[in-house]
């Protein structure tokens, strides 16, 4: 008894690596001042992000490249997921869209592929 079969020792089943960090920031692309809610990692206006996390909220990645919204997915429950790609290192990450995210841009991403804002 006491063996951890199918999971790593010290990790409780269902435990997340997510760390809630409440902080405001200015978008590195469009300059929008974003009021953080602890789950905010991208601009609600242009949907761009900054590559600062290894795990959500940990601020442990020193890349700091801008992450473009590459595409979006829409599920049956009416929720969007944004796929970001870092312009500096190429890493791709998924993040749930927030209620106040630009729905028009989310829809365009779903249909047209990479979104470029100038």
PDB file of N, CA and C in Angstrom:
ATOM      1  N   UNK A   1       0.835  -1.194   0.000  1.00  0.00           N
ATOM      2  CA  UNK A   1       0.000   0.000   0.000  1.00  0.00           C
ATOM      3  C   UNK A   1       0.874   1.250   0.000  1.00  0.00           C
ATOM      4  N   UNK A   2       0.260   2.373  -0.313  1.00  0.00           N
ATOM      5  CA  UNK A   2       0.995   3.619  -0.300  1.00  0.00           C
ATOM      6  C   UNK A   2       1.672   3.951  -1.617  1.00  0.00           C
ATOM      7  N   UNK A   3       1.605   3.030  -2.598  1.00  0.00           N
ATOM      8  CA  UNK A   3       2.192   3.315  -3.901  1.00  0.00           C
ATOM      9  C   UNK A   3       1.292   4.270  -4.679  1.00  0.00           C
ATOM     10  N   UNK A   4       1.917   5.127  -5.449  1.00  0.00           N
ATOM     11  CA  UNK A   4       1.179   6.061  -6.288  1.00  0.00           C
ATOM     12  C   UNK A   4       1.146   5.495  -7.700  1.00  0.00           C
ATOM     13  N   UNK A   5       0.089   4.824  -8.037  1.00  0.00           N
ATOM     14  CA  UNK A   5      -0.029   4.216  -9.357  1.00  0.00           C
ATOM     15  C   UNK A   5      -0.778   5.174 -10.267  1.00  0.00           C
ATOM     16  N   UNK A   6      -0.174   5.515 -11.391  1.00  0.00           N
ATOM     17  CA  UNK A   6      -0.806   6.356 -12.381  1.00  0.00           C
ATOM     18  C   UNK A   6      -0.704   7.854 -12.111  1.00  0.00           C
ATOM     19  N   UNK A   7       0.002   8.245 -11.052  1.00  0.00           N
ATOM     20  CA  UNK A   7       0.217   9.680 -10.802  1.00  0.00           C
ATOM     21  C   UNK A   7       1.528   9.867 -10.064  1.00  0.00           C
ATOM     22  N   UNK A   8       2.017  11.069 -10.104  1.00  0.00           N
ATOM     23  CA  UNK A   8       3.299  11.364  -9.481  1.00  0.00           C
ATOM     24  C   UNK A   8       3.142  11.505  -7.973  1.00  0.00           C
ATOM     25  N   UNK A   9       4.104  11.022  -7.193  1.00  0.00           N
ATOM     26  CA  UNK A   9       4.054  11.203  -5.745  1.00  0.00           C
ATOM     27  C   UNK A   9       3.999  12.689  -5.395  1.00  0.00           C
ATOM     28  N   UNK A  10       3.183  13.022  -4.395  1.00  0.00           N
ATOM     29  CA  UNK A  10       3.092  14.394  -3.929  1.00  0.00           C
ATOM     30  C   UNK A  10       2.083  15.233  -4.688  1.00  0.00           C
ATOM     31  N   UNK A  11       1.535  14.691  -5.747  1.00  0.00           N
ATOM     32  CA  UNK A  11       0.539  15.427  -6.534  1.00  0.00           C
ATOM     33  C   UNK A  11      -0.830  14.817  -6.271  1.00  0.00           C
ATOM     34  N   UNK A  12      -1.735  15.614  -5.759  1.00  0.00           N
ATOM     35  CA  UNK A  12      -3.081  15.148  -5.465  1.00  0.00           C
ATOM     36  C   UNK A  12      -3.885  15.121  -6.754  1.00  0.00           C
ATOM     37  N   UNK A  13      -4.654  14.071  -6.971  1.00  0.00           N
ATOM     38  CA  UNK A  13      -5.463  13.956  -8.178  1.00  0.00           C
ATOM     39  C   UNK A  13      -6.373  15.168  -8.324  1.00  0.00           C
ATOM     40  N   UNK A  14      -6.376  15.782  -9.499  1.00  0.00           N
ATOM     41  CA  UNK A  14      -7.194  16.957  -9.755  1.00  0.00           C
ATOM     42  C   UNK A  14      -6.515  18.266  -9.384  1.00  0.00           C
ATOM     43  N   UNK A  15      -5.353  18.192  -8.741  1.00  0.00           N
ATOM     44  CA  UNK A  15      -4.620  19.390  -8.349  1.00  0.00           C
ATOM     45  C   UNK A  15      -4.065  20.072  -9.598  1.00  0.00           C
ATOM     46  N   UNK A  16      -4.132  21.381  -9.622  1.00  0.00           N
ATOM     47  CA  UNK A  16      -3.683  22.149 -10.776  1.00  0.00           C
ATOM     48  C   UNK A  16      -2.362  22.853 -10.481  1.00  0.00           C
ATOM     49  N   UNK A  17      -1.607  23.143 -11.534  1.00  0.00           N
ATOM     50  CA  UNK A  17      -0.390  23.939 -11.400  1.00  0.00           C
ATOM     51  C   UNK A  17      -0.698  25.418 -11.508  1.00  0.00           C
ATOM     52  N   UNK A  18      -1.986  25.765 -11.593  1.00  0.00           N
ATOM     53  CA  UNK A  18      -2.408  27.146 -11.771  1.00  0.00           C
ATOM     54  C   UNK A  18      -2.162  27.959 -10.502  1.00  0.00           C
ATOM     55  N   UNK A  19      -1.605  29.156 -10.689  1.00  0.00           N
ATOM     56  CA  UNK A  19      -1.379  30.083  -9.585  1.00  0.00           C
ATOM     57  C   UNK A  19      -2.101  31.381  -9.914  1.00  0.00           C
ATOM     58  N   UNK A  20      -3.084  31.750  -9.104  1.00  0.00           N
ATOM     59  CA  UNK A  20      -3.851  32.969  -9.358  1.00  0.00           C
ATOM     60  C   UNK A  20      -3.029  34.194  -8.975  1.00  0.00           C
ATOM     61  N   UNK A  21      -2.855  35.103  -9.953  1.00  0.00           N
ATOM     62  CA  UNK A  21      -2.109  36.333  -9.746  1.00  0.00           C
ATOM     63  C   UNK A  21      -2.977  37.494 -10.223  1.00  0.00           C
ATOM     64  N   UNK A  22      -3.345  38.375  -9.306  1.00  0.00           N
ATOM     65  CA  UNK A  22      -4.158  39.532  -9.680  1.00  0.00           C
ATOM     66  C   UNK A  22      -3.218  40.697  -9.947  1.00  0.00           C
ATOM     67  N   UNK A  23      -3.159  41.113 -11.213  1.00  0.00           N
ATOM     68  CA  UNK A  23      -2.308  42.230 -11.586  1.00  0.00           C
ATOM     69  C   UNK A  23      -2.853  42.889 -12.845  1.00  0.00           C
ATOM     70  N   UNK A  24      -2.711  44.203 -12.906  1.00  0.00           N
ATOM     71  CA  UNK A  24      -3.096  44.967 -14.077  1.00  0.00           C
ATOM     72  C   UNK A  24      -1.880  45.045 -15.003  1.00  0.00           C
ATOM     73  N   UNK A  25      -2.131  45.231 -16.302  1.00  0.00           N
ATOM     74  CA  UNK A  25      -1.019  45.356 -17.241  1.00  0.00           C
ATOM     75  C   UNK A  25      -1.445  46.159 -18.461  1.00  0.00           C
ATOM     76  N   UNK A  26      -0.456  46.640 -19.193  1.00  0.00           N
ATOM     77  CA  UNK A  26      -0.703  47.334 -20.453  1.00  0.00           C
ATOM     78  C   UNK A  26      -0.365  46.377 -21.580  1.00  0.00           C
ATOM     79  N   UNK A  27      -1.274  46.246 -22.542  1.00  0.00           N
ATOM     80  CA  UNK A  27      -1.060  45.350 -23.665  1.00  0.00           C
ATOM     81  C   UNK A  27       0.182  45.775 -24.445  1.00  0.00           C
ATOM     82  N   UNK A  28       1.058  44.819 -24.718  1.00  0.00           N
ATOM     83  CA  UNK A  28       2.290  45.085 -25.450  1.00  0.00           C
ATOM     84  C   UNK A  28       2.070  45.338 -26.928  1.00  0.00           C
ATOM     85  N   UNK A  29       0.856  45.076 -27.428  1.00  0.00           N
ATOM     86  CA  UNK A  29       0.581  45.316 -28.841  1.00  0.00           C
ATOM     87  C   UNK A  29      -0.235  46.592 -29.049  1.00  0.00           C
ATOM     88  N   UNK A  30      -1.419  46.666 -28.438  1.00  0.00           N
ATOM     89  CA  UNK A  30      -2.324  47.791 -28.724  1.00  0.00           C
ATOM     90  C   UNK A  30      -2.325  48.866 -27.644  1.00  0.00           C
ATOM     91  N   UNK A  31      -1.687  48.603 -26.486  1.00  0.00           N
ATOM     92  CA  UNK A  31      -1.589  49.604 -25.435  1.00  0.00           C
ATOM     93  C   UNK A  31      -2.782  49.699 -24.501  1.00  0.00           C
ATOM     94  N   UNK A  32      -3.787  48.843 -24.676  1.00  0.00           N
ATOM     95  CA  UNK A  32      -4.944  48.846 -23.783  1.00  0.00           C
ATOM     96  C   UNK A  32      -4.494  48.547 -22.358  1.00  0.00           C
ATOM     97  N   UNK A  33      -4.993  49.316 -21.395  1.00  0.00           N
ATOM     98  CA  UNK A  33      -4.719  49.038 -19.988  1.00  0.00           C
ATOM     99  C   UNK A  33      -5.747  48.009 -19.527  1.00  0.00           C
ATOM    100  N   UNK A  34      -5.260  46.853 -19.076  1.00  0.00           N
ATOM    101  CA  UNK A  34      -6.119  45.726 -18.724  1.00  0.00           C
ATOM    102  C   UNK A  34      -6.166  45.570 -17.208  1.00  0.00           C
ATOM    103  N   UNK A  35      -7.374  45.529 -16.658  1.00  0.00           N
ATOM    104  CA  UNK A  35      -7.582  45.316 -15.222  1.00  0.00           C
ATOM    105  C   UNK A  35      -7.617  43.811 -14.984  1.00  0.00           C
ATOM    106  N   UNK A  36      -6.623  43.293 -14.284  1.00  0.00           N
ATOM    107  CA  UNK A  36      -6.530  41.859 -14.042  1.00  0.00           C
ATOM    108  C   UNK A  36      -7.519  41.370 -13.012  1.00  0.00           C
ATOM    109  N   UNK A  37      -7.951  40.121 -13.185  1.00  0.00           N
ATOM    110  CA  UNK A  37      -8.894  39.494 -12.250  1.00  0.00           C
ATOM    111  C   UNK A  37      -8.298  38.241 -11.611  1.00  0.00           C
ATOM    112  N   UNK A  38      -7.018  38.016 -11.856  1.00  0.00           N
ATOM    113  CA  UNK A  38      -6.387  36.817 -11.313  1.00  0.00           C
ATOM    114  C   UNK A  38      -6.330  35.681 -12.309  1.00  0.00           C
ATOM    115  N   UNK A  39      -7.099  35.797 -13.377  1.00  0.00           N
ATOM    116  CA  UNK A  39      -7.108  34.780 -14.428  1.00  0.00           C
ATOM    117  C   UNK A  39      -6.814  35.415 -15.782  1.00  0.00           C
ATOM    118  N   UNK A  40      -6.509  36.704 -15.787  1.00  0.00           N
ATOM    119  CA  UNK A  40      -6.323  37.455 -17.022  1.00  0.00           C
ATOM    120  C   UNK A  40      -4.890  37.308 -17.528  1.00  0.00           C
ATOM    121  N   UNK A  41      -4.741  36.808 -18.771  1.00  0.00           N
ATOM    122  CA  UNK A  41      -3.388  36.676 -19.304  1.00  0.00           C
ATOM    123  C   UNK A  41      -3.257  37.246 -20.714  1.00  0.00           C
ATOM    124  N   UNK A  42      -4.326  37.893 -21.190  1.00  0.00           N
ATOM    125  CA  UNK A  42      -4.280  38.467 -22.540  1.00  0.00           C
ATOM    126  C   UNK A  42      -5.175  39.700 -22.599  1.00  0.00           C
ATOM    127  N   UNK A  43      -4.968  40.491 -23.626  1.00  0.00           N
ATOM    128  CA  UNK A  43      -5.741  41.713 -23.830  1.00  0.00           C
ATOM    129  C   UNK A  43      -7.137  41.364 -24.358  1.00  0.00           C
ATOM    130  N   UNK A  44      -8.195  41.870 -23.736  1.00  0.00           N
ATOM    131  CA  UNK A  44      -9.539  41.569 -24.221  1.00  0.00           C
ATOM    132  C   UNK A  44      -9.890  42.272 -25.529  1.00  0.00           C
ATOM    133  N   UNK A  45      -9.125  43.304 -25.895  1.00  0.00           N
ATOM    134  CA  UNK A  45      -9.402  44.052 -27.124  1.00  0.00           C
ATOM    135  C   UNK A  45      -8.786  43.380 -28.351  1.00  0.00           C
ATOM    136  N   UNK A  46      -7.472  43.125 -28.329  1.00  0.00           N
ATOM    137  CA  UNK A  46      -6.785  42.558 -29.495  1.00  0.00           C
ATOM    138  C   UNK A  46      -6.464  41.070 -29.335  1.00  0.00           C
ATOM    139  N   UNK A  47      -6.634  40.544 -28.117  1.00  0.00           N
ATOM    140  CA  UNK A  47      -6.438  39.127 -27.770  1.00  0.00           C
ATOM    141  C   UNK A  47      -4.977  38.685 -27.709  1.00  0.00           C
ATOM    142  N   UNK A  48      -4.020  39.606 -27.867  1.00  0.00           N
ATOM    143  CA  UNK A  48      -2.607  39.252 -27.775  1.00  0.00           C
ATOM    144  C   UNK A  48      -2.220  39.055 -26.311  1.00  0.00           C
ATOM    145  N   UNK A  49      -1.153  38.301 -26.095  1.00  0.00           N
ATOM    146  CA  UNK A  49      -0.680  37.970 -24.760  1.00  0.00           C
ATOM    147  C   UNK A  49       0.832  38.172 -24.701  1.00  0.00           C
ATOM    148  N   UNK A  50       1.413  37.900 -23.538  1.00  0.00           N
ATOM    149  CA  UNK A  50       2.858  37.963 -23.362  1.00  0.00           C
ATOM    150  C   UNK A  50       3.310  36.652 -22.729  1.00  0.00           C
ATOM    151  N   UNK A  51       4.368  36.068 -23.242  1.00  0.00           N
ATOM    152  CA  UNK A  51       4.865  34.774 -22.775  1.00  0.00           C
ATOM    153  C   UNK A  51       5.676  34.947 -21.489  1.00  0.00           C
ATOM    154  N   UNK A  52       4.992  34.806 -20.364  1.00  0.00           N
ATOM    155  CA  UNK A  52       5.651  34.981 -19.064  1.00  0.00           C
ATOM    156  C   UNK A  52       5.508  33.766 -18.141  1.00  0.00           C
ATOM    157  N   UNK A  53       4.625  32.820 -18.478  1.00  0.00           N
ATOM    158  CA  UNK A  53       4.354  31.681 -17.588  1.00  0.00           C
ATOM    159  C   UNK A  53       4.834  30.356 -18.160  1.00  0.00           C
ATOM    160  N   UNK A  54       5.328  29.487 -17.274  1.00  0.00           N
ATOM    161  CA  UNK A  54       5.546  28.086 -17.604  1.00  0.00           C
ATOM    162  C   UNK A  54       4.222  27.372 -17.346  1.00  0.00           C
ATOM    163  N   UNK A  55       3.720  27.519 -16.116  1.00  0.00           N
ATOM    164  CA  UNK A  55       2.383  27.073 -15.739  1.00  0.00           C
ATOM    165  C   UNK A  55       1.563  28.326 -15.467  1.00  0.00           C
ATOM    166  N   UNK A  56       0.258  28.293 -15.738  1.00  0.00           N
ATOM    167  CA  UNK A  56      -0.561  29.508 -15.602  1.00  0.00           C
ATOM    168  C   UNK A  56      -0.361  30.239 -14.269  1.00  0.00           C
ATOM    169  N   UNK A  57       0.050  31.510 -14.383  1.00  0.00           N
ATOM    170  CA  UNK A  57       0.183  32.373 -13.215  1.00  0.00           C
ATOM    171  C   UNK A  57       1.517  32.342 -12.502  1.00  0.00           C
ATOM    172  N   UNK A  58       2.443  31.464 -12.899  1.00  0.00           N
ATOM    173  CA  UNK A  58       3.687  31.346 -12.132  1.00  0.00           C
ATOM    174  C   UNK A  58       4.747  32.389 -12.483  1.00  0.00           C
ATOM    175  N   UNK A  59       4.617  33.068 -13.602  1.00  0.00           N
ATOM    176  CA  UNK A  59       5.559  34.097 -14.066  1.00  0.00           C
ATOM    177  C   UNK A  59       7.001  33.576 -14.074  1.00  0.00           C
ATOM    178  N   UNK A  60       7.168  32.290 -14.399  1.00  0.00           N
ATOM    179  CA  UNK A  60       8.475  31.638 -14.329  1.00  0.00           C
ATOM    180  C   UNK A  60       9.194  31.544 -15.670  1.00  0.00           C
ATOM    181  N   UNK A  61       8.577  31.987 -16.757  1.00  0.00           N
ATOM    182  CA  UNK A  61       9.237  31.909 -18.057  1.00  0.00           C
ATOM    183  C   UNK A  61       9.867  33.257 -18.373  1.00  0.00           C
ATOM    184  N   UNK A  62      11.140  33.264 -18.701  1.00  0.00           N
ATOM    185  CA  UNK A  62      11.834  34.525 -18.974  1.00  0.00           C
ATOM    186  C   UNK A  62      11.803  34.918 -20.449  1.00  0.00           C
ATOM    187  N   UNK A  63      11.029  34.229 -21.277  1.00  0.00           N
ATOM    188  CA  UNK A  63      10.942  34.539 -22.710  1.00  0.00           C
ATOM    189  C   UNK A  63      10.413  35.959 -22.936  1.00  0.00           C
ATOM    190  N   UNK A  64       9.264  36.262 -22.390  1.00  0.00           N
ATOM    191  CA  UNK A  64       8.609  37.568 -22.478  1.00  0.00           C
ATOM    192  C   UNK A  64       8.290  38.018 -23.901  1.00  0.00           C
ATOM    193  N   UNK A  65       8.213  37.075 -24.842  1.00  0.00           N
ATOM    194  CA  UNK A  65       7.826  37.417 -26.210  1.00  0.00           C
ATOM    195  C   UNK A  65       6.333  37.683 -26.316  1.00  0.00           C
ATOM    196  N   UNK A  66       5.939  38.469 -27.298  1.00  0.00           N
ATOM    197  CA  UNK A  66       4.516  38.673 -27.547  1.00  0.00           C
ATOM    198  C   UNK A  66       3.941  37.399 -28.148  1.00  0.00           C
ATOM    199  N   UNK A  67       2.720  37.076 -27.749  1.00  0.00           N
ATOM    200  CA  UNK A  67       2.044  35.878 -28.237  1.00  0.00           C
ATOM    201  C   UNK A  67       0.830  36.293 -29.064  1.00  0.00           C
ATOM    202  N   UNK A  68       0.870  35.955 -30.346  1.00  0.00           N
ATOM    203  CA  UNK A  68      -0.233  36.322 -31.220  1.00  0.00           C
ATOM    204  C   UNK A  68      -1.353  35.290 -31.105  1.00  0.00           C
ATOM    205  N   UNK A  69      -2.595  35.753 -31.198  1.00  0.00           N
ATOM    206  CA  UNK A  69      -3.710  34.813 -31.232  1.00  0.00           C
ATOM    207  C   UNK A  69      -3.726  34.139 -32.606  1.00  0.00           C
ATOM    208  N   UNK A  70      -3.410  32.870 -32.626  1.00  0.00           N
ATOM    209  CA  UNK A  70      -3.251  32.141 -33.888  1.00  0.00           C
ATOM    210  C   UNK A  70      -4.599  31.627 -34.412  1.00  0.00           C
ATOM    211  N   UNK A  71      -5.432  31.169 -33.507  1.00  0.00           N
ATOM    212  CA  UNK A  71      -6.758  30.673 -33.880  1.00  0.00           C
ATOM    213  C   UNK A  71      -7.618  30.584 -32.628  1.00  0.00           C
ATOM    214  N   UNK A  72      -8.886  30.266 -32.827  1.00  0.00           N
ATOM    215  CA  UNK A  72      -9.766  30.049 -31.680  1.00  0.00           C
ATOM    216  C   UNK A  72     -10.645  28.836 -31.948  1.00  0.00           C
ATOM    217  N   UNK A  73     -11.053  28.218 -30.875  1.00  0.00           N
ATOM    218  CA  UNK A  73     -11.953  27.065 -30.939  1.00  0.00           C
ATOM    219  C   UNK A  73     -13.225  27.439 -30.200  1.00  0.00           C
ATOM    220  N   UNK A  74     -14.343  26.946 -30.659  1.00  0.00           N
ATOM    221  CA  UNK A  74     -15.630  27.221 -30.041  1.00  0.00           C
ATOM    222  C   UNK A  74     -16.257  25.889 -29.665  1.00  0.00           C
ATOM    223  N   UNK A  75     -16.619  25.721 -28.394  1.00  0.00           N
ATOM    224  CA  UNK A  75     -17.191  24.438 -27.989  1.00  0.00           C
ATOM    225  C   UNK A  75     -18.712  24.507 -27.928  1.00  0.00           C
ATOM    226  N   UNK A  76     -19.328  23.375 -27.733  1.00  0.00           N
ATOM    227  CA  UNK A  76     -20.793  23.270 -27.702  1.00  0.00           C
ATOM    228  C   UNK A  76     -21.419  24.057 -26.553  1.00  0.00           C
ATOM    229  N   UNK A  77     -20.651  24.299 -25.526  1.00  0.00           N
ATOM    230  CA  UNK A  77     -21.145  25.058 -24.382  1.00  0.00           C
ATOM    231  C   UNK A  77     -21.116  26.569 -24.607  1.00  0.00           C
ATOM    232  N   UNK A  78     -20.642  26.996 -25.772  1.00  0.00           N
ATOM    233  CA  UNK A  78     -20.605  28.413 -26.090  1.00  0.00           C
ATOM    234  C   UNK A  78     -19.354  29.118 -25.604  1.00  0.00           C
ATOM    235  N   UNK A  79     -18.299  28.366 -25.346  1.00  0.00           N
ATOM    236  CA  UNK A  79     -17.049  28.938 -24.845  1.00  0.00           C
ATOM    237  C   UNK A  79     -15.965  28.896 -25.912  1.00  0.00           C
ATOM    238  N   UNK A  80     -15.167  29.960 -25.954  1.00  0.00           N
ATOM    239  CA  UNK A  80     -14.030  30.021 -26.863  1.00  0.00           C
ATOM    240  C   UNK A  80     -12.749  29.640 -26.124  1.00  0.00           C
ATOM    241  N   UNK A  81     -11.824  29.042 -26.851  1.00  0.00           N
ATOM    242  CA  UNK A  81     -10.455  28.819 -26.403  1.00  0.00           C
ATOM    243  C   UNK A  81      -9.565  29.510 -27.429  1.00  0.00           C
ATOM    244  N   UNK A  82      -8.597  30.280 -26.940  1.00  0.00           N
ATOM    245  CA  UNK A  82      -7.672  30.984 -27.823  1.00  0.00           C
ATOM    246  C   UNK A  82      -6.364  30.205 -27.881  1.00  0.00           C
ATOM    247  N   UNK A  83      -5.845  30.018 -29.084  1.00  0.00           N
ATOM    248  CA  UNK A  83      -4.535  29.389 -29.250  1.00  0.00           C
ATOM    249  C   UNK A  83      -3.553  30.511 -29.580  1.00  0.00           C
ATOM    250  N   UNK A  84      -2.577  30.705 -28.672  1.00  0.00           N
ATOM    251  CA  UNK A  84      -1.551  31.739 -28.847  1.00  0.00           C
ATOM    252  C   UNK A  84      -0.240  31.090 -29.288  1.00  0.00           C
ATOM    253  N   UNK A  85       0.513  31.822 -30.118  1.00  0.00           N
ATOM    254  CA  UNK A  85       1.847  31.384 -30.522  1.00  0.00           C
ATOM    255  C   UNK A  85       2.829  32.501 -30.217  1.00  0.00           C
ATOM    256  N   UNK A  86       3.911  32.167 -29.506  1.00  0.00           N
ATOM    257  CA  UNK A  86       4.924  33.147 -29.146  1.00  0.00           C
ATOM    258  C   UNK A  86       5.756  33.514 -30.376  1.00  0.00           C
ATOM    259  N   UNK A  87       5.868  34.811 -30.627  1.00  0.00           N
ATOM    260  CA  UNK A  87       6.649  35.276 -31.776  1.00  0.00           C
ATOM    261  C   UNK A  87       8.153  35.156 -31.553  1.00  0.00           C
ATOM    262  N   UNK A  88       8.560  35.038 -30.286  1.00  0.00           N
ATOM    263  CA  UNK A  88       9.987  34.969 -29.961  1.00  0.00           C
ATOM    264  C   UNK A  88      10.511  33.527 -29.967  1.00  0.00           C
ATOM    265  N   UNK A  89       9.802  32.623 -29.282  1.00  0.00           N
ATOM    266  CA  UNK A  89      10.320  31.254 -29.150  1.00  0.00           C
ATOM    267  C   UNK A  89       9.485  30.202 -29.880  1.00  0.00           C
ATOM    268  N   UNK A  90       8.306  30.584 -30.369  1.00  0.00           N
ATOM    269  CA  UNK A  90       7.480  29.657 -31.123  1.00  0.00           C
ATOM    270  C   UNK A  90       6.554  28.777 -30.306  1.00  0.00           C
ATOM    271  N   UNK A  91       6.604  28.865 -28.993  1.00  0.00           N
ATOM    272  CA  UNK A  91       5.756  28.038 -28.126  1.00  0.00           C
ATOM    273  C   UNK A  91       4.284  28.352 -28.374  1.00  0.00           C
ATOM    274  N   UNK A  92       3.454  27.331 -28.358  1.00  0.00           N
ATOM    275  CA  UNK A  92       2.018  27.479 -28.538  1.00  0.00           C
ATOM    276  C   UNK A  92       1.314  27.116 -27.237  1.00  0.00           C
ATOM    277  N   UNK A  93       0.333  27.933 -26.838  1.00  0.00           N
ATOM    278  CA  UNK A  93      -0.429  27.685 -25.611  1.00  0.00           C
ATOM    279  C   UNK A  93      -1.905  27.940 -25.865  1.00  0.00           C
ATOM    280  N   UNK A  94      -2.736  27.241 -25.112  1.00  0.00           N
ATOM    281  CA  UNK A  94      -4.185  27.432 -25.158  1.00  0.00           C
ATOM    282  C   UNK A  94      -4.637  28.133 -23.879  1.00  0.00           C
ATOM    283  N   UNK A  95      -5.636  29.002 -24.028  1.00  0.00           N
ATOM    284  CA  UNK A  95      -6.199  29.689 -22.875  1.00  0.00           C
ATOM    285  C   UNK A  95      -7.689  29.904 -23.114  1.00  0.00           C
ATOM    286  N   UNK A  96      -8.471  29.783 -22.054  1.00  0.00           N
ATOM    287  CA  UNK A  96      -9.904  30.038 -22.169  1.00  0.00           C
ATOM    288  C   UNK A  96     -10.136  31.525 -22.384  1.00  0.00           C
ATOM    289  N   UNK A  97     -11.054  31.846 -23.277  1.00  0.00           N
ATOM    290  CA  UNK A  97     -11.427  33.238 -23.498  1.00  0.00           C
ATOM    291  C   UNK A  97     -12.264  33.719 -22.311  1.00  0.00           C
ATOM    292  N   UNK A  98     -12.135  34.999 -22.009  1.00  0.00           N
ATOM    293  CA  UNK A  98     -12.905  35.604 -20.922  1.00  0.00           C
ATOM    294  C   UNK A  98     -14.210  36.178 -21.479  1.00  0.00           C
ATOM    295  N   UNK A  99     -15.150  36.420 -20.599  1.00  0.00           N
ATOM    296  CA  UNK A  99     -16.455  36.949 -21.008  1.00  0.00           C
ATOM    297  C   UNK A  99     -16.335  38.301 -21.707  1.00  0.00           C
ATOM    298  N   UNK A 100     -15.343  39.116 -21.313  1.00  0.00           N
ATOM    299  CA  UNK A 100     -15.209  40.451 -21.898  1.00  0.00           C
ATOM    300  C   UNK A 100     -14.272  40.489 -23.107  1.00  0.00           C
ATOM    301  N   UNK A 101     -13.835  39.326 -23.601  1.00  0.00           N
ATOM    302  CA  UNK A 101     -12.981  39.293 -24.794  1.00  0.00           C
ATOM    303  C   UNK A 101     -13.777  39.685 -26.037  1.00  0.00           C
ATOM    304  N   UNK A 102     -13.084  40.274 -26.985  1.00  0.00           N
ATOM    305  CA  UNK A 102     -13.660  40.758 -28.231  1.00  0.00           C
ATOM    306  C   UNK A 102     -14.221  39.576 -29.036  1.00  0.00           C
ATOM    307  N   UNK A 103     -15.543  39.406 -28.998  1.00  0.00           N
ATOM    308  CA  UNK A 103     -16.208  38.271 -29.659  1.00  0.00           C
ATOM    309  C   UNK A 103     -16.065  38.320 -31.177  1.00  0.00           C
ATOM    310  N   UNK A 104     -16.023  39.505 -31.732  1.00  0.00           N
ATOM    311  CA  UNK A 104     -15.856  39.632 -33.178  1.00  0.00           C
ATOM    312  C   UNK A 104     -14.501  39.065 -33.604  1.00  0.00           C
ATOM    313  N   UNK A 105     -13.454  39.412 -32.864  1.00  0.00           N
ATOM    314  CA  UNK A 105     -12.117  38.883 -33.190  1.00  0.00           C
ATOM    315  C   UNK A 105     -12.043  37.380 -32.942  1.00  0.00           C
ATOM    316  N   UNK A 106     -12.671  36.908 -31.862  1.00  0.00           N
ATOM    317  CA  UNK A 106     -12.683  35.466 -31.593  1.00  0.00           C
ATOM    318  C   UNK A 106     -13.324  34.705 -32.753  1.00  0.00           C
ATOM    319  N   UNK A 107     -14.421  35.239 -33.271  1.00  0.00           N
ATOM    320  CA  UNK A 107     -15.099  34.604 -34.407  1.00  0.00           C
ATOM    321  C   UNK A 107     -14.238  34.640 -35.666  1.00  0.00           C
ATOM    322  N   UNK A 108     -13.575  35.767 -35.909  1.00  0.00           N
ATOM    323  CA  UNK A 108     -12.695  35.870 -37.080  1.00  0.00           C
ATOM    324  C   UNK A 108     -11.541  34.882 -36.991  1.00  0.00           C
ATOM    325  N   UNK A 109     -10.993  34.721 -35.806  1.00  0.00           N
ATOM    326  CA  UNK A 109      -9.891  33.770 -35.617  1.00  0.00           C
ATOM    327  C   UNK A 109     -10.342  32.345 -35.909  1.00  0.00           C
ATOM    328  N   UNK A 110     -11.545  32.043 -35.548  1.00  0.00           N
ATOM    329  CA  UNK A 110     -12.080  30.702 -35.755  1.00  0.00           C
ATOM    330  C   UNK A 110     -12.207  30.404 -37.249  1.00  0.00           C
ATOM    331  N   UNK A 111     -12.514  31.413 -38.033  1.00  0.00           N
ATOM    332  CA  UNK A 111     -12.781  31.221 -39.457  1.00  0.00           C
ATOM    333  C   UNK A 111     -11.581  31.467 -40.358  1.00  0.00           C
ATOM    334  N   UNK A 112     -10.702  32.395 -39.961  1.00  0.00           N
ATOM    335  CA  UNK A 112      -9.691  32.847 -40.912  1.00  0.00           C
ATOM    336  C   UNK A 112      -8.255  32.479 -40.579  1.00  0.00           C
ATOM    337  N   UNK A 113      -8.010  31.916 -39.411  1.00  0.00           N
ATOM    338  CA  UNK A 113      -6.640  31.604 -39.059  1.00  0.00           C
ATOM    339  C   UNK A 113      -5.966  32.786 -38.377  1.00  0.00           C
ATOM    340  N   UNK A 114      -4.649  32.932 -38.502  1.00  0.00           N
ATOM    341  CA  UNK A 114      -3.910  33.937 -37.763  1.00  0.00           C
ATOM    342  C   UNK A 114      -4.462  35.354 -37.929  1.00  0.00           C
ATOM    343  N   UNK A 115      -4.520  36.064 -36.814  1.00  0.00           N
ATOM    344  CA  UNK A 115      -5.025  37.431 -36.796  1.00  0.00           C
ATOM    345  C   UNK A 115      -3.849  38.380 -36.675  1.00  0.00           C
ATOM    346  N   UNK A 116      -3.768  39.309 -37.607  1.00  0.00           N
ATOM    347  CA  UNK A 116      -2.686  40.291 -37.582  1.00  0.00           C
ATOM    348  C   UNK A 116      -3.314  41.658 -37.425  1.00  0.00           C
ATOM    349  N   UNK A 117      -2.938  42.361 -36.368  1.00  0.00           N
ATOM    350  CA  UNK A 117      -3.454  43.698 -36.113  1.00  0.00           C
ATOM    351  C   UNK A 117      -2.317  44.667 -36.304  1.00  0.00           C
ATOM    352  N   UNK A 118      -2.544  45.686 -37.088  1.00  0.00           N
ATOM    353  CA  UNK A 118      -1.495  46.675 -37.342  1.00  0.00           C
ATOM    354  C   UNK A 118      -1.874  47.995 -36.753  1.00  0.00           C
TER     355      UNK A 118
END
